[in-house]
C-alpha atoms as a PDB file:
ATOM      1  CA  UNK A   1      -9.098   7.727 -14.613  1.00  0.00           C
ATOM      2  CA  UNK A   2      -8.905   9.983 -11.516  1.00  0.00           C
ATOM      3  CA  UNK A   3      -5.299  11.140 -10.858  1.00  0.00           C
ATOM      4  CA  UNK A   4      -4.372  12.072  -7.178  1.00  0.00           C
ATOM      5  CA  UNK A   5      -1.085  13.887  -6.728  1.00  0.00           C
ATOM      6  CA  UNK A   6       1.371  13.353  -3.891  1.00  0.00           C
ATOM      7  CA  UNK A   7       0.945  16.890  -2.446  1.00  0.00           C
ATOM      8  CA  UNK A   8      -2.837  16.234  -2.225  1.00  0.00           C
ATOM      9  CA  UNK A   9      -2.362  13.619   0.463  1.00  0.00           C
ATOM     10  CA  UNK A  10      -3.542  14.281   3.991  1.00  0.00           C
ATOM     11  CA  UNK A  11      -0.645  14.796   6.407  1.00  0.00           C
ATOM     12  CA  UNK A  12      -0.536  12.684   9.552  1.00  0.00           C
ATOM     13  CA  UNK A  13       1.716  10.891  12.063  1.00  0.00           C
ATOM     14  CA  UNK A  14       3.633  12.457  14.744  1.00  0.00           C
ATOM     15  CA  UNK A  15       6.701  14.258  13.318  1.00  0.00           C
ATOM     16  CA  UNK A  16       8.034  15.127  16.781  1.00  0.00           C
ATOM     17  CA  UNK A  17       8.195  11.343  17.493  1.00  0.00           C
ATOM     18  CA  UNK A  18       9.836  10.664  14.158  1.00  0.00           C
ATOM     19  CA  UNK A  19       6.644   9.539  12.264  1.00  0.00           C
ATOM     20  CA  UNK A  20       5.541  11.158   9.080  1.00  0.00           C
ATOM     21  CA  UNK A  21       2.454   9.907   7.392  1.00  0.00           C
ATOM     22  CA  UNK A  22       0.793  10.751   4.008  1.00  0.00           C
ATOM     23  CA  UNK A  23      -2.782   9.491   3.607  1.00  0.00           C
ATOM     24  CA  UNK A  24      -4.475   9.072   0.325  1.00  0.00           C
ATOM     25  CA  UNK A  25      -7.869   8.532   1.669  1.00  0.00           C
ATOM     26  CA  UNK A  26      -9.926  10.092   4.491  1.00  0.00           C
ATOM     27  CA  UNK A  27      -8.130   9.259   7.626  1.00  0.00           C
ATOM     28  CA  UNK A  28      -8.362  10.213  11.187  1.00  0.00           C
ATOM     29  CA  UNK A  29      -9.099  13.943  11.576  1.00  0.00           C
ATOM     30  CA  UNK A  30      -8.977  14.423   7.831  1.00  0.00           C
ATOM     31  CA  UNK A  31     -12.577  13.365   7.222  1.00  0.00           C
ATOM     32  CA  UNK A  32     -13.818  13.738   3.506  1.00  0.00           C
ATOM     33  CA  UNK A  33     -17.015  11.851   2.791  1.00  0.00           C
ATOM     34  CA  UNK A  34     -16.191  11.832  -0.887  1.00  0.00           C
ATOM     35  CA  UNK A  35     -12.824   9.995  -0.276  1.00  0.00           C
ATOM     36  CA  UNK A  36     -13.611   7.151   1.903  1.00  0.00           C
ATOM     37  CA  UNK A  37     -12.491   4.270  -0.283  1.00  0.00           C
ATOM     38  CA  UNK A  38     -12.095   3.119  -3.912  1.00  0.00           C
ATOM     39  CA  UNK A  39     -13.259  -0.413  -4.664  1.00  0.00           C
ATOM     40  CA  UNK A  40     -11.951  -2.529  -1.603  1.00  0.00           C
ATOM     41  CA  UNK A  41      -9.286  -0.178  -0.841  1.00  0.00           C
ATOM     42  CA  UNK A  42      -9.760   1.969   2.360  1.00  0.00           C
ATOM     43  CA  UNK A  43      -6.331   3.525   2.821  1.00  0.00           C
ATOM     44  CA  UNK A  44      -2.941   3.853   1.024  1.00  0.00           C
ATOM     45  CA  UNK A  45      -0.597   5.466   3.565  1.00  0.00           C
ATOM     46  CA  UNK A  46       3.058   6.457   2.947  1.00  0.00           C
ATOM     47  CA  UNK A  47       4.890   5.973   6.298  1.00  0.00           C
ATOM     48  CA  UNK A  48       8.303   7.463   7.171  1.00  0.00           C
ATOM     49  CA  UNK A  49       9.810   6.245  10.549  1.00  0.00           C
ATOM     50  CA  UNK A  50      13.080   7.602  11.984  1.00  0.00           C
ATOM     51  CA  UNK A  51      15.342   5.117  13.674  1.00  0.00           C
ATOM     52  CA  UNK A  52      13.765   4.124  16.999  1.00  0.00           C
ATOM     53  CA  UNK A  53      10.293   5.393  16.036  1.00  0.00           C
ATOM     54  CA  UNK A  54       7.138   3.457  15.776  1.00  0.00           C
ATOM     55  CA  UNK A  55       3.428   2.865  16.427  1.00  0.00           C
ATOM     56  CA  UNK A  56       2.675   1.279  19.775  1.00  0.00           C
ATOM     57  CA  UNK A  57       0.238  -1.350  20.063  1.00  0.00           C
ATOM     58  CA  UNK A  58      -3.089  -0.653  18.597  1.00  0.00           C
ATOM     59  CA  UNK A  59      -6.113  -2.550  17.463  1.00  0.00           C
ATOM     60  CA  UNK A  60      -7.583  -3.361  14.017  1.00  0.00           C
ATOM     61  CA  UNK A  61     -10.683  -5.447  13.046  1.00  0.00           C
ATOM     62  CA  UNK A  62     -12.278  -6.543   9.715  1.00  0.00           C
ATOM     63  CA  UNK A  63      -9.399  -5.047   7.599  1.00  0.00           C
ATOM     64  CA  UNK A  64      -6.950  -6.740   5.269  1.00  0.00           C
ATOM     65  CA  UNK A  65      -3.568  -4.775   5.891  1.00  0.00           C
ATOM     66  CA  UNK A  66      -0.972  -5.284   3.163  1.00  0.00           C
ATOM     67  CA  UNK A  67       2.433  -3.431   3.674  1.00  0.00           C
ATOM     68  CA  UNK A  68       5.260  -2.869   1.034  1.00  0.00           C
ATOM     69  CA  UNK A  69       8.624  -1.938   2.494  1.00  0.00           C
ATOM     70  CA  UNK A  70      10.319   0.649   0.105  1.00  0.00           C
ATOM     71  CA  UNK A  71      13.574   0.977   2.267  1.00  0.00           C
ATOM     72  CA  UNK A  72      14.685  -0.048   5.675  1.00  0.00           C
ATOM     73  CA  UNK A  73      13.389  -2.676   8.147  1.00  0.00           C
ATOM     74  CA  UNK A  74       9.872  -2.904   9.667  1.00  0.00           C
ATOM     75  CA  UNK A  75       9.558  -4.814  12.876  1.00  0.00           C
ATOM     76  CA  UNK A  76       6.189  -6.220  13.387  1.00  0.00           C
ATOM     77  CA  UNK A  77       4.710  -7.870  16.393  1.00  0.00           C
ATOM     78  CA  UNK A  78       1.099  -8.887  16.976  1.00  0.00           C
ATOM     79  CA  UNK A  79      -1.392 -10.445  19.478  1.00  0.00           C
ATOM     80  CA  UNK A  80      -1.202 -13.904  17.754  1.00  0.00           C
ATOM     81  CA  UNK A  81       2.331 -14.290  18.580  1.00  0.00           C
ATOM     82  CA  UNK A  82       3.819 -13.245  15.297  1.00  0.00           C
ATOM     83  CA  UNK A  83       7.194 -11.132  15.431  1.00  0.00           C
ATOM     84  CA  UNK A  84       8.766 -10.467  12.125  1.00  0.00           C
ATOM     85  CA  UNK A  85      11.260  -8.116  10.420  1.00  0.00           C
ATOM     86  CA  UNK A  86      10.024  -7.135   6.815  1.00  0.00           C
ATOM     87  CA  UNK A  87      12.502  -5.761   4.417  1.00  0.00           C
ATOM     88  CA  UNK A  88      12.367  -3.982   1.096  1.00  0.00           C
ATOM     89  CA  UNK A  89      10.802  -6.185  -1.554  1.00  0.00           C
ATOM     90  CA  UNK A  90       8.694  -8.079   1.017  1.00  0.00           C
ATOM     91  CA  UNK A  91       4.862  -8.262   1.092  1.00  0.00           C
ATOM     92  CA  UNK A  92       3.344  -8.519   4.539  1.00  0.00           C
ATOM     93  CA  UNK A  93      -0.281  -9.160   5.139  1.00  0.00           C
ATOM     94  CA  UNK A  94      -2.223  -9.099   8.322  1.00  0.00           C
ATOM     95  CA  UNK A  95      -5.805 -10.166   8.293  1.00  0.00           C
ATOM     96  CA  UNK A  96      -7.336  -8.482  11.188  1.00  0.00           C
ATOM     97  CA  UNK A  97     -10.541 -10.378  10.865  1.00  0.00           C
ATOM     98  CA  UNK A  98     -12.599 -10.286  14.186  1.00  0.00           C
ATOM     99  CA  UNK A  99      -9.820  -8.360  15.961  1.00  0.00           C
ATOM    100  CA  UNK A 100      -6.100  -8.280  16.431  1.00  0.00           C
ATOM    101  CA  UNK A 101      -3.440  -5.884  18.021  1.00  0.00           C
ATOM    102  CA  UNK A 102      -0.116  -5.080  16.589  1.00  0.00           C
ATOM    103  CA  UNK A 103       3.018  -3.034  17.041  1.00  0.00           C
ATOM    104  CA  UNK A 104       5.094  -1.468  14.003  1.00  0.00           C
ATOM    105  CA  UNK A 105       8.591  -0.121  14.575  1.00  0.00           C
ATOM    106  CA  UNK A 106      11.808   0.795  13.167  1.00  0.00           C
ATOM    107  CA  UNK A 107      14.355  -0.857  15.256  1.00  0.00           C
ATOM    108  CA  UNK A 108      17.081  -0.501  12.627  1.00  0.00           C
ATOM    109  CA  UNK A 109      19.627   2.271  12.691  1.00  0.00           C
ATOM    110  CA  UNK A 110      18.417   3.734   9.379  1.00  0.00           C
ATOM    111  CA  UNK A 111      15.224   5.503   8.289  1.00  0.00           C
ATOM    112  CA  UNK A 112      12.347   3.386   7.277  1.00  0.00           C
ATOM    113  CA  UNK A 113       9.715   3.965   4.450  1.00  0.00           C
ATOM    114  CA  UNK A 114       6.847   1.879   3.760  1.00  0.00           C
ATOM    115  CA  UNK A 115       3.430   1.830   2.015  1.00  0.00           C
ATOM    116  CA  UNK A 116       0.525   0.383   3.859  1.00  0.00           C
ATOM    117  CA  UNK A 117      -2.849  -0.402   2.421  1.00  0.00           C
ATOM    118  CA  UNK A 118      -5.963  -1.384   4.064  1.00  0.00           C
ATOM    119  CA  UNK A 119      -8.631  -3.361   2.120  1.00  0.00           C
ATOM    120  CA  UNK A 120     -12.273  -4.216   3.150  1.00  0.00           C
ATOM    121  CA  UNK A 121     -12.906  -7.999   3.451  1.00  0.00           C
ATOM    122  CA  UNK A 122     -15.914  -9.470   1.353  1.00  0.00           C
ATOM    123  CA  UNK A 123     -17.042 -11.142   4.691  1.00  0.00           C
ATOM    124  CA  UNK A 124     -16.294  -9.628   8.063  1.00  0.00           C
ATOM    125  CA  UNK A 125     -15.268 -11.728  11.126  1.00  0.00           C
ATOM    126  CA  UNK A 126     -13.189 -14.784  11.392  1.00  0.00           C
ATOM    127  CA  UNK A 127      -9.707 -15.392  12.902  1.00  0.00           C
ATOM    128  CA  UNK A 128      -6.703 -13.276  12.396  1.00  0.00           C
ATOM    129  CA  UNK A 129      -3.954 -14.495  10.091  1.00  0.00           C
ATOM    130  CA  UNK A 130      -0.512 -13.303   9.034  1.00  0.00           C
ATOM    131  CA  UNK A 131       1.703 -13.886   6.175  1.00  0.00           C
ATOM    132  CA  UNK A 132       5.005 -12.633   4.729  1.00  0.00           C
ATOM    133  CA  UNK A 133       6.219 -13.174   1.188  1.00  0.00           C
ATOM    134  CA  UNK A 134       9.992 -12.645   1.002  1.00  0.00           C
ATOM    135  CA  UNK A 135      11.348 -10.770  -2.105  1.00  0.00           C
ATOM    136  CA  UNK A 136       8.315 -11.021  -4.387  1.00  0.00           C
ATOM    137  CA  UNK A 137       9.314 -11.365  -7.884  1.00  0.00           C
ATOM    138  CA  UNK A 138       8.423  -8.718 -10.558  1.00  0.00           C
ATOM    139  CA  UNK A 139       5.163  -9.269 -12.151  1.00  0.00           C
ATOM    140  CA  UNK A 140       4.189 -12.163  -9.644  1.00  0.00           C
ATOM    141  CA  UNK A 141       0.745 -11.185  -8.552  1.00  0.00           C
ATOM    142  CA  UNK A 142      -0.203 -11.354  -4.870  1.00  0.00           C
ATOM    143  CA  UNK A 143      -3.745 -12.472  -4.170  1.00  0.00           C
ATOM    144  CA  UNK A 144      -5.942 -11.271  -1.383  1.00  0.00           C
ATOM    145  CA  UNK A 145      -9.082 -13.364  -2.068  1.00  0.00           C
ATOM    146  CA  UNK A 146     -10.708 -12.227   1.236  1.00  0.00           C
ATOM    147  CA  UNK A 147     -10.973  -8.679  -0.314  1.00  0.00           C
ATOM    148  CA  UNK A 148     -11.452  -9.739  -3.957  1.00  0.00           C
ATOM    149  CA  UNK A 149      -8.136  -8.170  -4.848  1.00  0.00           C
ATOM    150  CA  UNK A 150      -4.906  -8.874  -6.490  1.00  0.00           C
ATOM    151  CA  UNK A 151      -1.684  -6.799  -6.001  1.00  0.00           C
ATOM    152  CA  UNK A 152       0.631  -6.403  -8.881  1.00  0.00           C
ATOM    153  CA  UNK A 153       4.277  -5.237  -8.323  1.00  0.00           C
ATOM    154  CA  UNK A 154       6.115  -3.886 -11.239  1.00  0.00           C
ATOM    155  CA  UNK A 155       9.749  -2.600 -11.412  1.00  0.00           C
ATOM    156  CA  UNK A 156      10.367  -1.049 -14.784  1.00  0.00           C
ATOM    157  CA  UNK A 157      13.658  -0.116 -16.429  1.00  0.00           C
ATOM    158  CA  UNK A 158      13.863   3.347 -18.315  1.00  0.00           C
ATOM    159  CA  UNK A 159      11.372   3.295 -21.186  1.00  0.00           C
ATOM    160  CA  UNK A 160       9.880  -0.104 -20.403  1.00  0.00           C
ATOM    161  CA  UNK A 161       6.182  -0.548 -21.113  1.00  0.00           C
ATOM    162  CA  UNK A 162       3.741  -2.770 -18.987  1.00  0.00           C
ATOM    163  CA  UNK A 163       0.084  -3.548 -19.275  1.00  0.00           C
ATOM    164  CA  UNK A 164      -2.129  -2.260 -16.404  1.00  0.00           C
ATOM    165  CA  UNK A 165      -4.431  -5.038 -15.335  1.00  0.00           C
ATOM    166  CA  UNK A 166      -8.020  -4.884 -16.356  1.00  0.00           C
ATOM    167  CA  UNK A 167     -10.636  -4.701 -13.669  1.00  0.00           C
ATOM    168  CA  UNK A 168     -13.664  -3.054 -12.199  1.00  0.00           C
ATOM    169  CA  UNK A 169     -11.441  -1.010 -10.030  1.00  0.00           C
ATOM    170  CA  UNK A 170      -7.666  -0.469 -10.470  1.00  0.00           C
ATOM    171  CA  UNK A 171      -5.476   1.642  -8.195  1.00  0.00           C
ATOM    172  CA  UNK A 172      -2.006   2.389  -9.207  1.00  0.00           C
ATOM    173  CA  UNK A 173       0.468   3.930  -6.792  1.00  0.00           C
ATOM    174  CA  UNK A 174       3.874   5.209  -7.952  1.00  0.00           C
ATOM    175  CA  UNK A 175       6.408   4.149  -5.334  1.00  0.00           C
ATOM    176  CA  UNK A 176       9.467   5.703  -6.936  1.00  0.00           C
ATOM    177  CA  UNK A 177      10.608   7.115 -10.352  1.00  0.00           C
ATOM    178  CA  UNK A 178       8.091   8.353 -12.873  1.00  0.00           C
ATOM    179  CA  UNK A 179       5.598   6.780 -15.326  1.00  0.00           C
ATOM    180  CA  UNK A 180       3.419   7.819 -18.159  1.00  0.00           C
ATOM    181  CA  UNK A 181       0.031   6.162 -17.649  1.00  0.00           C
ATOM    182  CA  UNK A 182      -2.350   6.534 -20.547  1.00  0.00           C
ATOM    183  CA  UNK A 183      -1.023   9.911 -21.231  1.00  0.00           C
ATOM    184  CA  UNK A 184      -0.821  11.170 -17.625  1.00  0.00           C
ATOM    185  CA  UNK A 185       2.689  11.838 -16.104  1.00  0.00           C
ATOM    186  CA  UNK A 186       2.778  10.479 -12.599  1.00  0.00           C
ATOM    187  CA  UNK A 187       5.759  10.998 -10.216  1.00  0.00           C
ATOM    188  CA  UNK A 188       6.563   9.275  -6.866  1.00  0.00           C
ATOM    189  CA  UNK A 189       3.694   9.435  -4.439  1.00  0.00           C
ATOM    190  CA  UNK A 190       1.040   9.976  -7.144  1.00  0.00           C
ATOM    191  CA  UNK A 191      -1.631   7.565  -7.723  1.00  0.00           C
ATOM    192  CA  UNK A 192      -4.395   6.840 -10.318  1.00  0.00           C
ATOM    193  CA  UNK A 193      -7.866   5.425  -9.654  1.00  0.00           C
ATOM    194  CA  UNK A 194      -9.293   3.750 -12.852  1.00  0.00           C
ATOM    195  CA  UNK A 195     -12.792   2.440 -12.964  1.00  0.00           C
ATOM    196  CA  UNK A 196     -13.665  -0.235 -15.594  1.00  0.00           C
ATOM    197  CA  UNK A 197     -10.030  -0.423 -16.541  1.00  0.00           C
ATOM    198  CA  UNK A 198      -9.269  -1.980 -19.934  1.00  0.00           C
ATOM    199  CA  UNK A 199      -6.262  -1.917 -22.202  1.00  0.00           C
ATOM    200  CA  UNK A 200      -4.301   0.726 -20.132  1.00  0.00           C
ATOM    201  CA  UNK A 201      -0.538   0.701 -20.147  1.00  0.00           C
ATOM    202  CA  UNK A 202       2.223   2.534 -18.412  1.00  0.00           C
ATOM    203  CA  UNK A 203       5.703   3.476 -19.661  1.00  0.00           C
ATOM    204  CA  UNK A 204       8.582   4.122 -17.249  1.00  0.00           C
ATOM    205  CA  UNK A 205      10.446   7.368 -17.366  1.00  0.00           C
ATOM    206  CA  UNK A 206      14.089   8.058 -17.912  1.00  0.00           C
ATOM    207  CA  UNK A 207      14.966   6.847 -14.351  1.00  0.00           C
ATOM    208  CA  UNK A 208      12.741   3.793 -14.281  1.00  0.00           C
ATOM    209  CA  UNK A 209       9.858   3.222 -11.827  1.00  0.00           C
ATOM    210  CA  UNK A 210       8.350   0.904  -9.154  1.00  0.00           C
ATOM    211  CA  UNK A 211       4.585   0.491  -9.273  1.00  0.00           C
ATOM    212  CA  UNK A 212       1.965  -1.078  -6.906  1.00  0.00           C
ATOM    213  CA  UNK A 213      -1.191  -1.807  -8.926  1.00  0.00           C
ATOM    214  CA  UNK A 214      -4.318  -3.228  -7.135  1.00  0.00           C
ATOM    215  CA  UNK A 215      -6.746  -5.096  -9.372  1.00  0.00           C
ATOM    216  CA  UNK A 216     -10.218  -5.271  -7.551  1.00  0.00           C
ATOM    217  CA  UNK A 217     -13.558  -6.846  -8.370  1.00  0.00           C
ATOM    218  CA  UNK A 218     -16.767  -4.977  -8.321  1.00  0.00           C
ATOM    219  CA  UNK A 219     -18.889  -4.942  -5.059  1.00  0.00           C
END
């Protein structure tokens, strides 16, 4: 298990424009050849957007983009004609496939926080696709078969224990609260990268916790 702390993330975004980003993997000018990916996961970005701030239209290709809104509202528009407002507890996925352009904005009067994760597809190309799952239930896995991956969302009450999925690659990101993961204390923004995960579990701290856990196949 490789633990990466919140303060080790690469800073990014444009604070003057109301965008603060924290990147878990090599990103943009922060190039680290030893931190390019983990399993299918290419990026896990914590994004904070002030009211009225956002990312102007930009392209993506050959990437599965999964977004988890922590608080606030995310307005999404893309070149396939989709326009959606994504709220806390919703899972949004944009399959960039052979190429797509999109806009992400905070059009609400309150700050927006979301976690965005990029995964490499098993087979590149194809047609773009878009999906939003509203208010995903706790412990209901969200499958991304195009990347050989499954997202598990866990919201734990204080002291509650949960099994971490077994898998060739498992990535656990702490959204909020704290958790004890196989003897390691993780706080909000921390993450653990587990190879050949088996029989691991997590126990929430005194304030409870919210976790995102990716279960990924070997490549």
